[in-house]
């Protein structure tokens, strides 16, 4: 408790705002200059279509960077989400024109020294596309981003910002700020903020989208300030991040990600057209009906027909049943169907699979992936091997 009090008092001393602040502008100024912000948070999403809420656990850190014209603060965000297949985790970090984003088993990087274009916000009005550093998941929960959002609301006539109220939030004296968005007389969104009455640090955010409609969605964000985070350093160099996430940089960095690293990890999600004009969509973490082969093929490669012949031979001989996804990089359905004729039960023919090959780190084809029912890749078979039927049979048996 002592550490928590020290953190809150430090925040109070770092602002020029007194505990009796009652103007939205004063709240905004305090959020913009909030140094040493370290918080855990619960991000709870309620959807009418789901029985259970989606609940993320977050750790949020920021330091204001007024000299940085691209972003109001340097930040570090960690998140985790329980899923049926296990805990899904990710993180992002921005500092000095560098953004690192790890999710779905891939580390993606953006650096102004490489290309400044992804950092530039484009468009206007309702068609604005923010830069990558501004659109990172959960960044809008940081104090500096909340400040920017409130300023935008003040300048937008479709938003109404009500006067601040004294309130209580999780047993603390707080200031409550209610806002709502109305377009052509229809209530589109309601958003309520609670701020600590002394420090003006965020305590809670409630967001309701399309209230009262079938597409209604409720998000509740609850902030906490545990002692253990009060002195947590903010990573401000790549070396800092590598020391925090050595395995991520070694195995999943985009620049050195290879398909060999896919073994024992979840298969990336994808959505591809089928040869019958439908679409096959699978999200990361989804289960398969049974062990499944993902066979990635280039229709122009000379070994592709032999791979298909051998995989089907393995299916005929295997004591363990499995499904097959034929993922062809071409877009011509007639060519794909001539390559993989007469689909059998449990087979799917997918087109335009270059994105899947890229996300898997496959630099050349053919590639055969053997996945478990849980969607975990257990075997990566590169190129054509005359022993392919035997390898597939053995791999499927192990995947079972």
Protein backbone atom coordinates (compact mmCIF):
# COMPACT_ATOMS: atom_id res chain seq x y z
CA UNK A 1 0.00 0.00 0.00
CA UNK A 2 2.91 2.33 0.79
CA UNK A 3 4.30 1.90 -2.75
CA UNK A 4 0.92 2.60 -4.30
CA UNK A 5 0.53 5.78 -2.21
CA UNK A 6 4.03 6.90 -3.19
CA UNK A 7 3.20 6.40 -6.88
CA UNK A 8 -0.05 8.38 -6.64
CA UNK A 9 1.62 11.20 -4.70
CA UNK A 10 4.40 11.27 -7.32
CA UNK A 11 1.83 11.65 -10.04
CA UNK A 12 0.20 14.48 -8.14
CA UNK A 13 3.49 16.33 -7.75
CA UNK A 14 4.26 15.97 -11.46
CA UNK A 15 1.16 17.91 -12.49
CA UNK A 16 0.11 21.48 -11.82
CA UNK A 17 -3.45 20.34 -11.26
CA UNK A 18 -4.89 20.45 -7.77
CA UNK A 19 -7.33 17.92 -6.36
CA UNK A 20 -10.26 20.30 -6.82
CA UNK A 21 -9.89 20.50 -10.61
CA UNK A 22 -13.31 20.64 -12.23
CA UNK A 23 -12.68 21.52 -15.88
CA UNK A 24 -12.21 19.03 -18.73
CA UNK A 25 -9.28 21.07 -20.03
CA UNK A 26 -7.46 20.59 -16.74
CA UNK A 27 -8.00 16.85 -16.92
CA UNK A 28 -6.57 16.83 -20.46
CA UNK A 29 -3.49 18.81 -19.43
CA UNK A 30 -2.82 16.46 -16.53
CA UNK A 31 -3.11 13.39 -18.75
CA UNK A 32 -0.78 14.87 -21.38
CA UNK A 33 1.99 15.47 -18.84
CA UNK A 34 1.51 12.35 -16.69
CA UNK A 35 5.04 11.04 -16.08
CA UNK A 36 5.79 7.68 -14.56
CA UNK A 37 2.48 6.10 -15.52
CA UNK A 38 2.52 2.39 -14.69
CA UNK A 39 -0.71 0.45 -14.41
CA UNK A 40 -2.29 -2.96 -14.72
CA UNK A 41 -5.77 -3.08 -16.19
CA UNK A 42 -8.66 -5.41 -16.92
CA UNK A 43 -10.25 -4.98 -20.36
CA UNK A 44 -13.68 -6.65 -20.34
CA UNK A 45 -15.71 -6.96 -23.57
CA UNK A 46 -19.37 -7.95 -23.35
CA UNK A 47 -21.20 -9.03 -26.51
CA UNK A 48 -24.86 -10.10 -26.74
CA UNK A 49 -23.82 -12.97 -29.00
CA UNK A 50 -21.50 -14.50 -26.37
CA UNK A 51 -22.36 -16.07 -23.04
CA UNK A 52 -18.92 -15.32 -21.58
CA UNK A 53 -17.11 -12.00 -21.59
CA UNK A 54 -13.78 -11.58 -23.37
CA UNK A 55 -11.36 -10.40 -20.68
CA UNK A 56 -7.84 -9.19 -21.42
CA UNK A 57 -5.26 -8.56 -18.70
CA UNK A 58 -3.00 -5.60 -19.47
CA UNK A 59 0.14 -3.91 -18.20
CA UNK A 60 0.46 -0.32 -19.41
CA UNK A 61 3.45 2.04 -19.19
CA UNK A 62 4.08 5.45 -20.73
CA UNK A 63 6.30 8.51 -20.55
CA UNK A 64 5.28 11.73 -22.34
CA UNK A 65 7.50 12.72 -25.28
CA UNK A 66 6.50 16.30 -26.21
CA UNK A 67 9.40 16.60 -28.68
CA UNK A 68 8.19 13.58 -30.68
CA UNK A 69 5.92 14.82 -33.47
CA UNK A 70 4.71 11.29 -34.29
CA UNK A 71 3.39 10.16 -30.91
CA UNK A 72 2.49 11.87 -27.62
CA UNK A 73 4.36 9.32 -25.52
CA UNK A 74 6.77 6.43 -25.47
CA UNK A 75 4.92 3.33 -24.32
CA UNK A 76 5.03 -0.37 -23.53
CA UNK A 77 1.90 -2.54 -23.51
CA UNK A 78 1.62 -6.21 -22.53
CA UNK A 79 -1.59 -8.20 -22.88
CA UNK A 80 -2.85 -11.72 -22.29
CA UNK A 81 -6.14 -13.45 -23.10
CA UNK A 82 -7.29 -16.93 -22.01
CA UNK A 83 -8.47 -19.01 -24.98
CA UNK A 84 -9.68 -22.63 -25.29
CA UNK A 85 -6.27 -23.58 -26.66
CA UNK A 86 -4.27 -21.80 -23.95
CA UNK A 87 -3.11 -18.33 -23.00
CA UNK A 88 -2.70 -15.92 -25.92
CA UNK A 89 -0.12 -13.22 -25.22
CA UNK A 90 1.38 -10.24 -27.00
CA UNK A 91 3.05 -6.90 -26.51
CA UNK A 92 3.91 -3.66 -28.24
CA UNK A 93 6.42 -0.89 -27.63
CA UNK A 94 7.02 2.51 -29.21
CA UNK A 95 9.88 4.94 -28.72
CA UNK A 96 11.69 7.51 -30.86
CA UNK A 97 10.17 6.54 -34.23
CA UNK A 98 10.34 2.77 -33.63
CA UNK A 99 7.36 0.45 -33.16
CA UNK A 100 7.56 -3.24 -32.21
CA UNK A 101 4.38 -5.33 -32.19
CA UNK A 102 4.28 -9.01 -31.21
CA UNK A 103 1.05 -10.98 -31.68
CA UNK A 104 -0.08 -14.26 -33.24
CA UNK A 105 3.46 -15.62 -33.11
CA UNK A 106 4.99 -12.86 -35.26
CA UNK A 107 7.12 -9.87 -34.35
CA UNK A 108 6.50 -6.97 -36.71
CA UNK A 109 8.68 -3.87 -36.72
CA UNK A 110 8.29 -0.35 -38.08
CA UNK A 111 11.15 2.12 -38.06
CA UNK A 112 11.21 5.65 -39.45
CA UNK A 113 14.80 4.96 -40.46
CA UNK A 114 13.42 2.26 -42.80
CA UNK A 115 10.25 3.97 -44.00
CA UNK A 116 8.36 6.86 -42.43
CA UNK A 117 5.16 6.24 -44.43
CA UNK A 118 3.52 3.77 -41.96
CA UNK A 119 3.81 6.41 -39.23
CA UNK A 120 2.00 9.13 -41.17
CA UNK A 121 -1.69 9.70 -40.46
CA UNK A 122 -3.63 10.07 -43.71
CA UNK A 123 -7.14 11.07 -44.73
CA UNK A 124 -9.52 13.48 -43.07
CA UNK A 125 -12.82 13.59 -41.25
CA UNK A 126 -14.36 10.15 -40.75
CA UNK A 127 -11.87 8.58 -43.17
CA UNK A 128 -8.69 9.11 -41.15
CA UNK A 129 -6.14 6.29 -41.10
CA UNK A 130 -3.84 6.82 -38.12
CA UNK A 131 -0.18 5.90 -38.18
CA UNK A 132 0.82 2.48 -36.87
CA UNK A 133 2.17 3.95 -33.62
CA UNK A 134 -1.23 5.55 -32.91
CA UNK A 135 -3.40 2.55 -33.80
CA UNK A 136 -1.66 -0.14 -31.76
CA UNK A 137 -4.14 -2.27 -29.80
CA UNK A 138 -4.84 -0.84 -26.31
CA UNK A 139 -2.71 2.30 -26.86
CA UNK A 140 -5.89 4.38 -26.56
CA UNK A 141 -5.97 3.44 -22.85
CA UNK A 142 -2.77 5.38 -22.12
CA UNK A 143 -3.20 8.81 -20.46
CA UNK A 144 -1.60 10.73 -23.34
CA UNK A 145 -3.91 9.01 -25.84
CA UNK A 146 -6.97 9.65 -23.67
CA UNK A 147 -5.98 13.32 -23.63
CA UNK A 148 -5.76 13.41 -27.43
CA UNK A 149 -9.15 11.70 -27.72
CA UNK A 150 -10.80 14.18 -25.37
CA UNK A 151 -9.38 17.10 -27.36
CA UNK A 152 -10.79 15.53 -30.54
CA UNK A 153 -14.18 15.20 -28.86
CA UNK A 154 -14.12 18.86 -27.87
CA UNK A 155 -13.56 19.83 -31.50
CA UNK A 156 -16.25 17.47 -32.87
CA UNK A 157 -19.83 18.76 -32.77
CA UNK A 158 -21.24 15.21 -32.86
CA UNK A 159 -19.79 14.55 -29.40
CA UNK A 160 -21.32 15.96 -26.22
CA UNK A 161 -19.10 16.29 -23.13
CA UNK A 162 -21.05 16.77 -19.90
CA UNK A 163 -19.69 18.70 -16.88
CA UNK A 164 -17.44 16.82 -14.50
CA UNK A 165 -19.07 15.24 -11.44
CA UNK A 166 -17.66 14.19 -8.10
CA UNK A 167 -18.01 10.43 -7.77
CA UNK A 168 -16.65 7.29 -6.16
CA UNK A 169 -14.80 4.62 -8.14
CA UNK A 170 -13.59 1.39 -6.56
CA UNK A 171 -13.59 3.05 -3.14
CA UNK A 172 -11.69 6.16 -4.27
CA UNK A 173 -12.76 9.75 -4.58
CA UNK A 174 -13.02 10.36 -8.29
CA UNK A 175 -14.12 12.72 -11.02
CA UNK A 176 -16.59 11.33 -13.53
CA UNK A 177 -16.76 12.55 -17.12
CA UNK A 178 -19.72 11.45 -19.27
CA UNK A 179 -19.65 11.80 -23.06
CA UNK A 180 -21.85 10.59 -25.90
CA UNK A 181 -21.84 10.54 -29.69
CA UNK A 182 -25.04 11.27 -31.65
CA UNK A 183 -25.31 11.17 -35.43
CA UNK A 184 -28.54 12.25 -37.19
CA UNK A 185 -30.38 11.97 -33.90
CA UNK A 186 -29.23 8.42 -33.14
CA UNK A 187 -27.10 7.54 -30.12
CA UNK A 188 -24.01 5.76 -31.49
CA UNK A 189 -21.73 5.63 -28.49
CA UNK A 190 -21.59 6.46 -24.80
CA UNK A 191 -18.26 6.77 -23.03
CA UNK A 192 -17.67 7.46 -19.34
CA UNK A 193 -14.31 8.17 -17.70
CA UNK A 194 -13.40 8.11 -14.01
CA UNK A 195 -10.23 9.91 -12.85
CA UNK A 196 -8.61 9.90 -9.41
CA UNK A 197 -9.68 13.12 -7.67
CA UNK A 198 -6.13 13.90 -6.50
CA UNK A 199 -3.80 12.67 -9.24
CA UNK A 200 -6.25 12.65 -12.19
CA UNK A 201 -4.88 9.23 -13.18
CA UNK A 202 -7.51 7.14 -15.02
CA UNK A 203 -9.41 4.69 -12.81
CA UNK A 204 -12.05 3.31 -15.15
CA UNK A 205 -13.50 3.69 -18.65
CA UNK A 206 -16.92 2.43 -19.73
CA UNK A 207 -17.74 2.32 -23.44
CA UNK A 208 -21.09 1.35 -24.94
CA UNK A 209 -21.35 1.12 -28.72
CA UNK A 210 -24.75 1.07 -30.46
CA UNK A 211 -26.64 1.05 -27.12
CA UNK A 212 -29.99 -0.68 -27.24
CA UNK A 213 -29.36 -2.33 -30.63
CA UNK A 214 -28.68 -5.94 -31.59
CA UNK A 215 -25.03 -5.01 -32.22
CA UNK A 216 -24.56 -3.45 -28.79
CA UNK A 217 -21.09 -3.90 -27.31
CA UNK A 218 -19.90 -2.93 -23.84
CA UNK A 219 -16.25 -2.46 -22.87
CA UNK A 220 -15.19 -1.87 -19.27
CA UNK A 221 -11.59 -0.96 -18.48
CA UNK A 222 -10.54 -1.00 -14.82
CA UNK A 223 -7.12 0.40 -13.88
CA UNK A 224 -5.05 -0.69 -10.89
CA UNK A 225 -1.75 0.64 -9.57
CA UNK A 226 0.06 -2.23 -7.81
CA UNK A 227 3.23 -1.56 -5.88
CA UNK A 228 5.21 -3.93 -8.12
CA UNK A 229 4.77 -1.67 -11.16
CA UNK A 230 5.56 1.67 -9.54
CA UNK A 231 9.28 1.62 -10.43
CA UNK A 232 9.08 -0.61 -13.51
CA UNK A 233 11.45 0.80 -16.18
CA UNK A 234 10.07 1.68 -19.61
CA UNK A 235 12.04 0.04 -22.46
CA UNK A 236 13.52 2.83 -24.56
CA UNK A 237 15.96 0.90 -26.77
CA UNK A 238 15.91 -2.29 -28.80
CA UNK A 239 18.43 -3.74 -26.36
CA UNK A 240 15.93 -3.18 -23.55
CA UNK A 241 13.28 -5.11 -25.47
CA UNK A 242 15.63 -7.96 -26.37
CA UNK A 243 16.51 -8.38 -22.68
CA UNK A 244 12.78 -8.59 -21.87
CA UNK A 245 11.83 -10.90 -24.77
CA UNK A 246 14.94 -12.79 -25.92
CA UNK A 247 13.04 -15.78 -27.35
CA UNK A 248 10.61 -13.55 -29.27
CA UNK A 249 13.44 -11.75 -31.04
CA UNK A 250 15.30 -14.99 -31.71
CA UNK A 251 12.41 -17.04 -33.09
CA UNK A 252 9.74 -14.68 -34.35
CA UNK A 253 11.43 -11.57 -35.63
CA UNK A 254 10.04 -10.79 -39.08
CA UNK A 255 13.50 -10.30 -40.56
CA UNK A 256 14.73 -13.74 -39.49
CA UNK A 257 11.45 -15.68 -39.18
CA UNK A 258 11.68 -18.99 -41.01
CA UNK A 259 9.17 -21.76 -41.43
CA UNK A 260 11.38 -24.10 -39.41
CA UNK A 261 10.50 -21.99 -36.37
CA UNK A 262 6.81 -22.85 -36.82
CA UNK A 263 7.18 -26.29 -35.23
CA UNK A 264 5.36 -26.61 -31.87
CA UNK A 265 3.58 -23.28 -32.35
CA UNK A 266 -0.03 -22.49 -33.36
CA UNK A 267 -0.74 -22.37 -37.08
CA UNK A 268 -1.31 -18.74 -38.16
CA UNK A 269 -4.89 -17.75 -38.95
CA UNK A 270 -5.94 -17.23 -42.57
CA UNK A 271 -8.92 -16.63 -44.81
CA UNK A 272 -8.62 -17.85 -48.41
CA UNK A 273 -11.00 -18.35 -51.34
CA UNK A 274 -11.84 -21.92 -52.33
CA UNK A 275 -12.02 -23.34 -55.84
CA UNK A 276 -15.83 -23.46 -55.47
CA UNK A 277 -16.15 -19.70 -54.93
CA UNK A 278 -16.58 -19.90 -51.15
CA UNK A 279 -14.15 -18.89 -48.43
CA UNK A 280 -12.24 -20.97 -45.92
CA UNK A 281 -11.50 -19.00 -42.75
CA UNK A 282 -9.59 -20.24 -39.76
CA UNK A 283 -8.53 -18.09 -36.82
CA UNK A 284 -5.37 -18.69 -34.85
CA UNK A 285 -6.26 -21.04 -32.00
CA UNK A 286 -9.24 -22.66 -33.79
CA UNK A 287 -9.42 -26.43 -33.60
CA UNK A 288 -9.41 -28.81 -36.55
CA UNK A 289 -11.83 -31.72 -36.86
CA UNK A 290 -8.89 -34.12 -36.75
CA UNK A 291 -5.15 -34.02 -37.58
CA UNK A 292 -4.75 -31.93 -40.71
CA UNK A 293 -2.17 -31.49 -43.43
CA UNK A 294 -1.64 -28.03 -44.90
CA UNK A 295 0.03 -28.62 -48.26
CA UNK A 296 1.33 -25.38 -49.80
CA UNK A 297 1.97 -25.67 -53.53
CA UNK A 298 3.09 -23.57 -56.46
CA UNK A 299 1.01 -24.80 -59.45
CA UNK A 300 3.89 -24.06 -61.83
CA UNK A 301 6.45 -26.12 -59.88
CA UNK A 302 7.38 -29.47 -61.41
CA UNK A 303 7.22 -31.38 -58.09
CA UNK A 304 3.67 -30.26 -57.20
CA UNK A 305 1.84 -33.18 -58.92
CA UNK A 306 4.17 -35.70 -57.26
CA UNK A 307 3.56 -34.14 -53.83
CA UNK A 308 -0.20 -34.50 -54.34
CA UNK A 309 0.17 -38.10 -55.45
CA UNK A 310 2.34 -38.99 -52.45
CA UNK A 311 0.14 -37.22 -49.88
CA UNK A 312 -2.92 -39.06 -51.20
CA UNK A 313 -0.98 -42.31 -51.13
CA UNK A 314 -0.15 -41.63 -47.47
CA UNK A 315 -3.84 -41.00 -46.77
CA UNK A 316 -4.78 -44.34 -48.33
CA UNK A 317 -2.22 -46.19 -46.21
CA UNK A 318 -2.47 -44.30 -42.94
CA UNK A 319 -4.13 -46.05 -39.97
CA UNK A 320 -4.95 -42.59 -38.62
CA UNK A 321 -7.45 -40.44 -40.51
CA UNK A 322 -6.55 -36.86 -41.37
CA UNK A 323 -7.86 -33.95 -43.41
CA UNK A 324 -5.97 -32.11 -46.15
CA UNK A 325 -5.91 -28.43 -47.05
CA UNK A 326 -4.41 -27.97 -50.52
CA UNK A 327 -3.17 -24.35 -50.43
CA UNK A 328 -2.27 -23.28 -53.98
CA UNK A 329 -0.51 -19.96 -54.54
CA UNK A 330 -2.22 -19.30 -57.87
CA UNK A 331 -5.59 -17.56 -58.31
CA UNK A 332 -6.93 -19.52 -61.29
CA UNK A 333 -9.52 -22.06 -60.09
CA UNK A 334 -9.37 -24.12 -63.30
CA UNK A 335 -5.60 -24.51 -63.02
CA UNK A 336 -5.88 -25.44 -59.34
CA UNK A 337 -8.60 -28.02 -60.03
CA UNK A 338 -6.52 -29.62 -62.78
CA UNK A 339 -3.60 -29.80 -60.35
CA UNK A 340 -5.72 -31.28 -57.52
CA UNK A 341 -8.48 -33.22 -59.33
CA UNK A 342 -11.59 -34.76 -57.77
CA UNK A 343 -11.49 -33.56 -54.19
CA UNK A 344 -12.14 -36.31 -51.66
CA UNK A 345 -14.02 -36.06 -48.35
CA UNK A 346 -11.91 -34.07 -45.87
CA UNK A 347 -10.03 -32.21 -48.63
CA UNK A 348 -10.31 -28.48 -49.34
CA UNK A 349 -8.72 -26.65 -52.27
CA UNK A 350 -7.66 -23.10 -51.37
CA UNK A 351 -6.47 -20.43 -53.78
CA UNK A 352 -4.21 -17.38 -53.56
CA UNK A 353 -2.27 -18.86 -50.65
CA UNK A 354 0.83 -16.65 -50.97
CA UNK A 355 -0.22 -14.74 -47.84
CA UNK A 356 -0.42 -18.00 -45.88
CA UNK A 357 3.02 -19.07 -47.14
CA UNK A 358 4.40 -15.66 -46.15
CA UNK A 359 2.84 -15.75 -42.67
CA UNK A 360 4.29 -19.21 -42.14
CA UNK A 361 7.75 -18.04 -43.21
CA UNK A 362 7.92 -20.31 -46.27
CA UNK A 363 10.48 -18.91 -48.68
CA UNK A 364 10.07 -21.74 -51.20
CA UNK A 365 7.49 -24.43 -51.99
CA UNK A 366 6.32 -27.15 -51.68
CA UNK A 367 5.83 -27.27 -47.92
CA UNK A 368 3.72 -29.72 -45.94
CA UNK A 369 2.64 -28.83 -42.40
CA UNK A 370 1.20 -31.48 -40.09
CA UNK A 371 -1.09 -29.94 -37.47
CA UNK A 372 -2.83 -31.45 -34.46
CA UNK A 373 -6.54 -31.13 -33.74
CA UNK A 374 -5.59 -28.19 -31.49
CA UNK A 375 -4.03 -26.39 -34.46
CA UNK A 376 -0.43 -26.84 -33.29
CA UNK A 377 2.13 -27.47 -36.03
CA UNK A 378 3.95 -30.71 -35.11
CA UNK A 379 5.93 -31.31 -38.29
CA UNK A 380 7.32 -29.12 -41.07
CA UNK A 381 8.25 -30.98 -44.27
CA UNK A 382 10.26 -28.84 -46.68
CA UNK A 383 10.59 -29.49 -50.39
CA UNK A 384 9.95 -32.81 -52.10
CA UNK A 385 11.20 -35.99 -50.47
CA UNK A 386 10.80 -39.43 -52.13
CA UNK A 387 9.96 -40.76 -48.64
CA UNK A 388 7.07 -38.31 -48.29
CA UNK A 389 4.31 -40.96 -47.83
CA UNK A 390 6.21 -42.59 -44.96
CA UNK A 391 7.05 -39.24 -43.35
CA UNK A 392 3.41 -38.12 -43.52
CA UNK A 393 2.09 -41.37 -42.04
CA UNK A 394 4.56 -41.21 -39.14
CA UNK A 395 3.94 -37.49 -38.51
CA UNK A 396 0.17 -37.86 -38.49
CA UNK A 397 0.43 -40.74 -36.01
CA UNK A 398 2.51 -38.53 -33.70
CA UNK A 399 0.14 -35.59 -34.16
CA UNK A 400 -2.72 -37.74 -32.97
